[in-house]
Amino acid sequence: PVSPRDVQREIALPKFSLNRRITVLVLFATTLVVGAIAAIGIPLELFPAGFSAPFLQVYVPYNDAPPKEVEQKITLPLEAEISTVKGISQLVSVSRYGSAISFIEFKQSTDMDVAYREVRDRVERAKVEFPSEVDRAFVQKFDSSGFPVLVLGIAVDSEAPDLYNLVQDRIVKPMSRIEGVANIRLDGMEEKEILIELDRRKVASNGLNIYELAQDLGADNFTMSSGTVLEGSDKLALRSIARYDSVDALRERKVGPSVRLGDIATIRYEEEEKDYRARAMSEPAFALIVMKEGEANATEVCRKLIAQTEKMQSDPRLEGFQSVVLFNQGAVIEESLATMLQSGMIGGVIAGMVLFLFLRRFRMTMIVSLSIPLSLLIGLTVMFFSGETLNFLTLLGLMLCVGLLVDNSVVVAENIYR
């Protein structure tokens, strides 16, 4: 049986709403305003912070080794150790020229932080059986912070002097200063180096040893601390610097009693020979890949980067450069969320039409239909102030709750009407 106290408690909220209409109206308007602010200001992400896909990848470089040797000396010992890790659903390895790659898929209930530590431990065990030439192995996680937020293709002016330093000073460094940017990588552009190509016949005819010559040249270029000097009350640090000021000075370097380095070698200051070509808009180009910090908001970082890219186009020193956006994670997030939100709105309209078809009462249909956006705004407000983000999972949860909300609203409204 229901006690009178329970009945009074149940009718307290409807009674308050009917007797305090102005107060309820003000609360309703406040909810709309705060909810609208929260909907505009809530951070957008592709996945929730801390989300990790149940995949790991192990990459082991073994330079200049054929696939068969890579399989025997790298892949098989690596698989034998990794297969002892708990929770593995599938393990696929690829042996190719110069490297071995293992793709590991885990069960959905697996803690990926623990799995990452265990895989890294097994890789360290397997390295004992690797050849002595293999000194590195990389374990990579597939999480949202591991994907680039922006990839730009930049066509360069090949006639620009000191192109690498120009790109570093005018493009890379300004973008690196943007809040939320963790790392910027250049693909397709290498820093110029001094390349020394010795003529073997000339080296032999002058009685020189290539190994000793390489050691002497390496010792010519160094920077080291040389202690301190006291001058009155001041303590000065000393530094010893040895380097060549120009390529011509290197050519004049004596390597024998009457032999200079330029006599036995071709010396050039240029990029190392590449086995690839990068082009954009039919011009020589490079790719600029931007990674964000773990807690940074992807859409906000992308907006700042795009603004910096537009500002870069007004730089007179970059007049011959052209840029094209190859990938923009912020735009992908906004487009995906907008598509899902549009689908939810269409579903809400259809639900309202179906309700009106069965209820045959316009006023009640509008009450039930308007409860959907109001409840979504309340949910977004709670998420905004609790520090959550709007992503695929949270938006999907909101869309699913709309269905439950409509069912409950219909039941309550029908009982009130009766």
Protein backbone atom coordinates (compact mmCIF):
# COMPACT_ATOMS: atom_id res chain seq x y z
CA PRO A 1 0.00 0.00 0.00
CA VAL A 2 1.09 3.58 -0.71
CA SER A 3 1.26 5.82 2.36
CA PRO A 4 -0.01 9.43 2.29
CA ARG A 5 3.55 10.64 2.82
CA ASP A 6 4.68 8.87 -0.38
CA VAL A 7 1.83 10.44 -2.32
CA GLN A 8 2.72 13.91 -1.03
CA ARG A 9 6.35 13.37 -1.98
CA GLU A 10 5.42 12.26 -5.51
CA ILE A 11 3.19 15.26 -6.21
CA ALA A 12 5.61 17.80 -4.70
CA LEU A 13 7.43 18.52 -7.99
CA PRO A 14 4.30 18.90 -10.17
CA LYS A 15 2.70 21.04 -7.46
CA PHE A 16 5.78 23.27 -7.29
CA SER A 17 5.83 23.60 -11.10
CA LEU A 18 2.18 24.65 -11.22
CA ASN A 19 2.30 27.07 -8.29
CA ARG A 20 5.67 28.64 -9.19
CA ARG A 21 5.33 29.15 -12.92
CA ILE A 22 7.65 32.18 -13.12
CA THR A 23 10.34 30.36 -11.18
CA VAL A 24 10.07 27.32 -13.42
CA LEU A 25 10.16 29.56 -16.51
CA VAL A 26 13.35 31.27 -15.27
CA LEU A 27 14.95 27.92 -14.49
CA PHE A 28 13.96 26.68 -17.95
CA ALA A 29 15.47 29.77 -19.65
CA THR A 30 18.64 29.46 -17.54
CA THR A 31 18.97 25.84 -18.57
CA LEU A 32 18.64 26.79 -22.24
CA VAL A 33 21.27 29.54 -22.00
CA VAL A 34 23.81 27.51 -19.98
CA GLY A 35 23.17 24.47 -22.17
CA ALA A 36 23.76 26.50 -25.34
CA ILE A 37 27.05 27.85 -23.93
CA ALA A 38 28.09 24.32 -22.97
CA ALA A 39 27.16 22.96 -26.41
CA ILE A 40 29.32 25.62 -28.09
CA GLY A 41 32.28 25.41 -25.72
CA ILE A 42 32.50 21.67 -25.03
CA PRO A 43 35.75 20.22 -26.48
CA LEU A 44 35.42 17.91 -29.49
CA GLU A 45 37.48 14.74 -29.78
CA LEU A 46 37.49 11.70 -32.03
CA PHE A 47 37.75 9.29 -29.08
CA PRO A 48 37.60 9.79 -25.29
CA ALA A 49 40.82 10.77 -23.56
CA GLY A 50 42.80 7.70 -22.55
CA PHE A 51 41.16 5.48 -25.15
CA SER A 52 43.53 2.80 -26.44
CA ALA A 53 42.73 0.40 -29.25
CA PRO A 54 43.45 -3.28 -28.45
CA PHE A 55 46.42 -3.38 -30.84
CA LEU A 56 50.18 -3.22 -30.50
CA GLN A 57 52.91 -3.24 -33.14
CA VAL A 58 56.52 -4.35 -32.75
CA TYR A 59 59.00 -3.11 -35.35
CA VAL A 60 62.57 -4.46 -35.47
CA PRO A 61 64.96 -3.01 -38.09
CA TYR A 62 67.64 -5.37 -39.48
CA ASN A 63 69.40 -3.40 -42.18
CA ASP A 64 70.24 -5.03 -45.53
CA ALA A 65 69.02 -8.47 -44.44
CA PRO A 66 66.95 -10.59 -46.88
CA PRO A 67 63.43 -11.67 -45.79
CA LYS A 68 64.43 -15.30 -45.18
CA GLU A 69 67.21 -14.31 -42.79
CA VAL A 70 64.90 -11.81 -41.07
CA GLU A 71 62.35 -14.57 -40.52
CA GLN A 72 64.87 -17.01 -39.04
CA LYS A 73 66.82 -14.59 -36.82
CA ILE A 74 64.19 -12.00 -35.87
CA THR A 75 60.59 -13.02 -36.50
CA LEU A 76 60.61 -16.56 -35.07
CA PRO A 77 62.38 -15.70 -31.75
CA LEU A 78 60.17 -12.63 -31.42
CA GLU A 79 56.95 -14.59 -31.94
CA ALA A 80 58.06 -17.27 -29.48
CA GLU A 81 58.40 -14.68 -26.71
CA ILE A 82 55.36 -12.52 -27.56
CA SER A 83 53.03 -15.52 -27.70
CA THR A 84 53.45 -15.96 -23.91
CA VAL A 85 51.66 -12.66 -23.20
CA LYS A 86 48.14 -13.03 -21.76
CA GLY A 87 45.05 -11.93 -23.63
CA ILE A 88 46.37 -12.18 -27.20
CA SER A 89 43.60 -12.74 -29.74
CA GLN A 90 45.72 -12.74 -32.91
CA LEU A 91 49.41 -12.41 -33.76
CA VAL A 92 50.51 -11.66 -37.34
CA SER A 93 54.14 -11.14 -38.35
CA VAL A 94 55.67 -9.89 -41.60
CA SER A 95 59.28 -10.49 -42.58
CA ARG A 96 60.55 -8.21 -45.30
CA TYR A 97 63.82 -6.84 -46.57
CA GLY A 98 65.55 -4.98 -43.74
CA SER A 99 62.91 -5.31 -41.02
CA ALA A 100 60.36 -7.45 -39.17
CA ILE A 101 56.92 -6.28 -38.03
CA SER A 102 54.54 -8.05 -35.65
CA PHE A 103 50.88 -6.97 -35.29
CA ILE A 104 49.28 -8.02 -32.00
CA GLU A 105 45.53 -7.93 -31.40
CA PHE A 106 44.23 -8.36 -27.84
CA LYS A 107 40.86 -9.30 -26.42
CA GLN A 108 38.52 -6.42 -25.63
CA SER A 109 38.78 -6.86 -21.85
CA THR A 110 42.60 -6.55 -21.86
CA ASP A 111 44.25 -3.68 -19.97
CA MET A 112 46.41 -2.17 -22.71
CA ASP A 113 48.82 -0.48 -20.30
CA VAL A 114 49.64 -3.85 -18.73
CA ALA A 115 49.79 -5.50 -22.16
CA TYR A 116 52.22 -2.85 -23.40
CA ARG A 117 54.57 -3.44 -20.46
CA GLU A 118 54.43 -7.21 -20.90
CA VAL A 119 55.11 -7.01 -24.66
CA ARG A 120 58.02 -4.66 -24.07
CA ASP A 121 59.42 -7.12 -21.52
CA ARG A 122 59.11 -10.03 -23.99
CA VAL A 123 60.85 -7.97 -26.69
CA GLU A 124 63.78 -7.37 -24.33
CA ARG A 125 64.00 -11.11 -23.75
CA ALA A 126 63.92 -11.83 -27.48
CA LYS A 127 66.72 -9.32 -28.16
CA VAL A 128 69.16 -11.72 -26.51
CA GLU A 129 68.70 -14.08 -29.48
CA PHE A 130 68.88 -11.35 -32.12
CA PRO A 131 72.06 -10.83 -34.18
CA SER A 132 74.58 -8.37 -32.78
CA GLU A 133 73.75 -5.91 -35.60
CA VAL A 134 70.22 -5.47 -34.19
CA ASP A 135 70.32 -3.00 -31.33
CA ARG A 136 66.83 -1.47 -31.46
CA ALA A 137 63.23 -2.65 -31.31
CA PHE A 138 60.16 -0.43 -31.20
CA VAL A 139 56.84 -1.21 -29.47
CA GLN A 140 54.04 1.10 -30.63
CA LYS A 141 50.56 1.65 -29.18
CA PHE A 142 47.55 2.60 -31.27
CA ASP A 143 45.93 5.45 -29.35
CA SER A 144 44.44 8.80 -30.32
CA SER A 145 47.60 10.72 -29.37
CA GLY A 146 49.64 8.61 -31.79
CA PHE A 147 47.83 9.93 -34.88
CA PRO A 148 48.86 13.22 -36.51
CA VAL A 149 46.40 16.08 -36.12
CA LEU A 150 47.52 17.80 -39.31
CA VAL A 151 49.46 16.79 -42.42
CA LEU A 152 50.45 19.54 -44.84
CA GLY A 153 51.93 19.08 -48.30
CA ILE A 154 54.17 22.05 -49.02
CA ALA A 155 55.54 22.65 -52.51
CA VAL A 156 58.91 24.40 -52.16
CA ASP A 157 60.88 26.88 -54.18
CA SER A 158 63.87 24.76 -55.21
CA GLU A 159 65.93 27.87 -55.94
CA ALA A 160 65.62 29.25 -52.39
CA PRO A 161 69.02 29.37 -50.64
CA ASP A 162 69.49 27.25 -47.52
CA LEU A 163 66.03 25.71 -47.91
CA TYR A 164 66.18 23.46 -44.82
CA ASN A 165 67.00 26.28 -42.38
CA LEU A 166 64.41 28.52 -44.04
CA VAL A 167 61.68 25.91 -43.45
CA GLN A 168 62.83 25.39 -39.87
CA ASP A 169 62.88 29.11 -39.02
CA ARG A 170 59.75 30.24 -40.89
CA ILE A 171 57.43 27.21 -40.73
CA VAL A 172 58.45 24.60 -38.16
CA LYS A 173 59.43 26.84 -35.22
CA PRO A 174 56.33 29.11 -35.34
CA MET A 175 54.08 26.04 -35.45
CA SER A 176 56.02 24.39 -32.61
CA ARG A 177 55.23 27.36 -30.36
CA ILE A 178 51.48 26.79 -30.70
CA GLU A 179 49.97 25.52 -27.46
CA GLY A 180 49.17 21.81 -27.70
CA VAL A 181 51.70 20.94 -30.41
CA ALA A 182 54.06 18.20 -29.25
CA ASN A 183 56.21 17.41 -32.26
CA ILE A 184 56.58 18.34 -35.93
CA ARG A 185 58.24 16.00 -38.40
CA LEU A 186 59.39 16.74 -41.94
CA ASP A 187 59.06 13.96 -44.49
CA GLY A 188 60.72 14.44 -47.87
CA MET A 189 63.26 17.06 -46.76
CA GLU A 190 66.69 16.26 -45.38
CA GLU A 191 69.22 18.60 -43.83
CA LYS A 192 72.22 19.32 -46.01
CA GLU A 193 75.42 17.49 -45.13
CA ILE A 194 79.04 17.62 -46.18
CA LEU A 195 79.52 14.61 -48.43
CA ILE A 196 83.08 13.42 -49.04
CA GLU A 197 83.52 10.90 -51.86
CA LEU A 198 87.05 9.51 -51.94
CA ASP A 199 88.74 8.36 -55.13
CA ARG A 200 90.07 4.94 -54.24
CA ARG A 201 92.88 4.99 -56.82
CA LYS A 202 94.13 8.40 -55.69
CA VAL A 203 93.99 7.34 -52.05
CA ALA A 204 96.02 4.20 -52.79
CA SER A 205 98.56 6.00 -55.00
CA ASN A 206 99.30 8.48 -52.18
CA GLY A 207 99.72 5.69 -49.61
CA LEU A 208 96.82 6.80 -47.42
CA ASN A 209 94.61 4.63 -45.22
CA ILE A 210 90.87 5.35 -45.55
CA TYR A 211 90.08 4.28 -41.96
CA GLU A 212 92.78 6.51 -40.46
CA LEU A 213 91.70 9.36 -42.71
CA ALA A 214 88.08 9.04 -41.49
CA GLN A 215 89.26 9.06 -37.87
CA ASP A 216 91.38 12.19 -38.42
CA LEU A 217 88.51 14.06 -40.11
CA GLY A 218 86.12 13.11 -37.33
CA ALA A 219 88.56 14.43 -34.72
CA ASP A 220 88.76 17.79 -36.54
CA ASN A 221 85.14 18.70 -35.75
CA PHE A 222 84.24 18.86 -32.03
CA THR A 223 82.92 21.04 -29.25
CA MET A 224 83.99 20.36 -25.69
CA SER A 225 84.12 22.00 -22.28
CA SER A 226 87.61 23.16 -21.28
CA GLY A 227 87.07 24.04 -17.65
CA THR A 228 86.85 27.48 -16.03
CA VAL A 229 89.03 30.58 -15.64
CA LEU A 230 88.97 32.92 -12.65
CA GLU A 231 89.23 36.61 -13.47
CA GLY A 232 88.93 38.63 -10.31
CA SER A 233 85.61 37.76 -8.75
CA ASP A 234 84.24 36.37 -12.02
CA LYS A 235 84.29 32.70 -12.97
CA LEU A 236 84.28 32.20 -16.72
CA ALA A 237 83.49 28.92 -18.50
CA LEU A 238 85.74 27.91 -21.38
CA ARG A 239 84.69 26.00 -24.44
CA SER A 240 86.90 24.57 -27.18
CA ILE A 241 85.45 24.61 -30.68
CA ALA A 242 87.01 23.04 -33.76
CA ARG A 243 85.19 23.22 -37.07
CA TYR A 244 85.60 24.18 -40.70
CA ASP A 245 84.13 27.51 -41.71
CA SER A 246 83.58 26.56 -45.36
CA VAL A 247 83.77 23.68 -47.82
CA ASP A 248 86.85 25.30 -49.39
CA ALA A 249 88.67 25.15 -46.06
CA LEU A 250 87.91 21.43 -45.93
CA ARG A 251 89.24 20.99 -49.45
CA GLU A 252 92.52 22.66 -48.44
CA ARG A 253 92.97 20.39 -45.45
CA LYS A 254 96.27 18.52 -45.72
CA VAL A 255 96.08 14.74 -45.50
CA GLY A 256 99.71 14.11 -46.49
CA PRO A 257 103.02 15.95 -46.93
CA SER A 258 101.95 17.34 -50.30
CA VAL A 259 98.37 16.08 -50.62
CA ARG A 260 95.19 17.99 -49.81
CA LEU A 261 91.78 16.45 -49.24
CA GLY A 262 90.43 18.12 -52.38
CA ASP A 263 93.06 16.32 -54.46
CA ILE A 264 91.77 12.85 -53.60
CA ALA A 265 88.06 13.44 -52.96
CA THR A 266 84.97 15.20 -54.28
CA ILE A 267 83.47 17.38 -51.53
CA ARG A 268 79.88 18.62 -51.76
CA TYR A 269 77.49 20.36 -49.37
CA GLU A 270 74.02 19.10 -50.25
CA GLU A 271 71.30 16.63 -49.24
CA GLU A 272 72.20 12.99 -48.98
CA GLU A 273 71.07 10.92 -51.96
CA LYS A 274 67.43 9.88 -51.50
CA ASP A 275 65.66 6.82 -52.89
CA TYR A 276 62.29 8.60 -53.00
CA ARG A 277 60.69 11.74 -54.41
CA ALA A 278 58.01 13.89 -52.79
CA ARG A 279 55.84 16.15 -54.95
CA ALA A 280 52.73 18.29 -54.45
CA MET A 281 50.89 20.32 -57.07
CA SER A 282 53.43 19.10 -59.66
CA GLU A 283 56.31 20.67 -57.74
CA PRO A 284 59.07 19.31 -55.43
CA ALA A 285 57.58 19.17 -51.96
CA PHE A 286 57.73 17.79 -48.45
CA ALA A 287 55.15 16.68 -45.91
CA LEU A 288 54.83 18.46 -42.59
CA ILE A 289 53.36 16.11 -39.96
CA VAL A 290 52.13 17.61 -36.68
CA MET A 291 51.54 15.59 -33.49
CA LYS A 292 49.60 16.98 -30.53
CA GLU A 293 50.19 16.65 -26.81
CA GLY A 294 48.26 13.91 -25.03
CA GLU A 295 45.76 16.17 -23.23
CA ALA A 296 45.45 18.83 -25.95
CA ASN A 297 42.18 19.27 -27.83
CA ALA A 298 42.58 18.18 -31.45
CA THR A 299 40.06 20.56 -33.00
CA GLU A 300 41.45 23.59 -31.18
CA VAL A 301 45.03 22.71 -32.15
CA CYS A 302 44.00 22.24 -35.79
CA ARG A 303 42.26 25.64 -35.89
CA LYS A 304 45.42 27.34 -34.62
CA LEU A 305 47.61 25.44 -37.08
CA ILE A 306 45.39 26.35 -40.04
CA ALA A 307 45.48 30.01 -38.93
CA GLN A 308 49.28 29.83 -38.76
CA THR A 309 49.35 28.28 -42.24
CA GLU A 310 47.31 31.17 -43.64
CA LYS A 311 49.62 33.63 -41.89
CA MET A 312 52.60 31.83 -43.40
CA GLN A 313 51.37 32.64 -46.91
CA SER A 314 51.86 36.37 -46.27
CA ASP A 315 55.56 35.90 -45.42
CA PRO A 316 57.60 37.42 -48.28
CA ARG A 317 60.41 34.87 -47.77
CA LEU A 318 57.91 32.06 -48.44
CA GLU A 319 56.47 33.64 -51.54
CA GLY A 320 57.35 30.67 -53.77
CA PHE A 321 55.84 28.11 -51.37
CA GLN A 322 52.40 26.54 -51.79
CA SER A 323 50.58 24.44 -49.19
CA VAL A 324 47.73 21.96 -49.34
CA VAL A 325 46.05 20.24 -46.39
CA LEU A 326 46.38 16.48 -46.82
CA PHE A 327 44.81 15.51 -43.49
CA ASN A 328 43.03 17.57 -40.84
CA GLN A 329 41.92 15.57 -37.81
CA GLY A 330 39.91 18.52 -36.47
CA ALA A 331 37.87 18.73 -39.68
CA VAL A 332 37.34 14.95 -39.65
CA ILE A 333 36.09 15.10 -36.05
CA GLU A 334 33.73 18.00 -36.74
CA GLU A 335 32.36 16.39 -39.91
CA SER A 336 31.85 12.99 -38.25
CA LEU A 337 30.15 14.46 -35.20
CA ALA A 338 28.00 16.72 -37.37
CA THR A 339 26.88 13.73 -39.42
CA MET A 340 25.96 11.79 -36.30
CA LEU A 341 24.19 14.81 -34.82
CA GLN A 342 22.24 15.33 -38.04
CA SER A 343 21.18 11.68 -37.97
CA GLY A 344 19.98 12.16 -34.39
CA MET A 345 17.97 15.24 -35.36
CA ILE A 346 16.34 13.38 -38.24
CA GLY A 347 15.50 10.55 -35.85
CA GLY A 348 13.95 13.03 -33.41
CA VAL A 349 11.76 14.57 -36.14
CA ILE A 350 10.60 11.14 -37.27
CA ALA A 351 9.84 10.19 -33.65
CA GLY A 352 7.73 13.34 -33.28
CA MET A 353 5.77 12.54 -36.46
CA VAL A 354 5.12 8.98 -35.28
CA LEU A 355 3.97 10.27 -31.88
CA PHE A 356 1.53 12.68 -33.48
CA LEU A 357 0.24 9.88 -35.72
CA PHE A 358 -0.65 7.75 -32.68
CA LEU A 359 -1.50 10.39 -30.06
CA ARG A 360 -3.50 12.67 -32.40
CA ARG A 361 -2.83 15.58 -30.01
CA PHE A 362 -0.52 18.35 -31.19
CA ARG A 363 0.06 19.90 -27.77
CA MET A 364 1.12 16.64 -26.13
CA THR A 365 3.33 15.76 -29.11
CA MET A 366 5.14 19.12 -28.81
CA ILE A 367 5.67 18.63 -25.06
CA VAL A 368 7.25 15.22 -25.63
CA SER A 369 9.32 16.44 -28.62
CA LEU A 370 10.66 19.52 -26.81
CA SER A 371 11.81 17.39 -23.91
CA ILE A 372 14.44 15.86 -26.23
CA PRO A 373 16.58 18.98 -26.90
CA LEU A 374 16.08 20.19 -23.33
CA SER A 375 17.40 16.94 -21.90
CA LEU A 376 20.33 16.95 -24.35
CA LEU A 377 21.27 20.48 -23.24
CA ILE A 378 21.14 19.41 -19.59
CA GLY A 379 23.38 16.45 -20.40
CA LEU A 380 25.87 18.64 -22.29
CA THR A 381 25.93 21.09 -19.37
CA VAL A 382 26.86 18.33 -16.92
CA MET A 383 29.53 17.01 -19.32
CA PHE A 384 30.97 20.50 -19.88
CA PHE A 385 31.38 21.32 -16.19
CA SER A 386 32.71 17.86 -15.35
CA GLY A 387 35.50 18.21 -17.95
CA GLU A 388 34.22 15.61 -20.42
CA THR A 389 34.53 15.86 -24.20
CA LEU A 390 32.01 15.33 -26.98
CA ASN A 391 33.20 12.34 -28.97
CA PHE A 392 31.85 9.32 -30.80
CA LEU A 393 31.06 7.36 -27.64
CA THR A 394 29.48 10.18 -25.62
CA LEU A 395 27.42 11.40 -28.60
CA LEU A 396 26.29 7.86 -29.32
CA GLY A 397 25.23 7.52 -25.67
CA LEU A 398 23.23 10.75 -25.92
CA MET A 399 21.50 9.52 -29.07
CA LEU A 400 20.56 6.22 -27.42
CA CYS A 401 19.17 8.06 -24.41
CA VAL A 402 16.82 9.99 -26.70
CA GLY A 403 14.89 6.78 -27.38
CA LEU A 404 14.53 6.01 -23.68
CA LEU A 405 13.53 9.62 -23.02
CA VAL A 406 10.78 9.53 -25.63
CA ASP A 407 9.32 6.33 -24.15
CA ASN A 408 9.23 7.73 -20.62
CA SER A 409 7.88 11.10 -21.81
CA VAL A 410 5.01 9.42 -23.65
CA VAL A 411 4.05 7.39 -20.57
CA VAL A 412 4.16 10.41 -18.23
CA ALA A 413 2.32 12.74 -20.64
CA GLU A 414 -0.38 10.14 -21.36
CA ASN A 415 -1.03 9.58 -17.66
CA ILE A 416 -1.21 13.32 -17.00
CA TYR A 417 -3.67 13.75 -19.83
CA ARG A 418 -5.86 10.94 -18.55
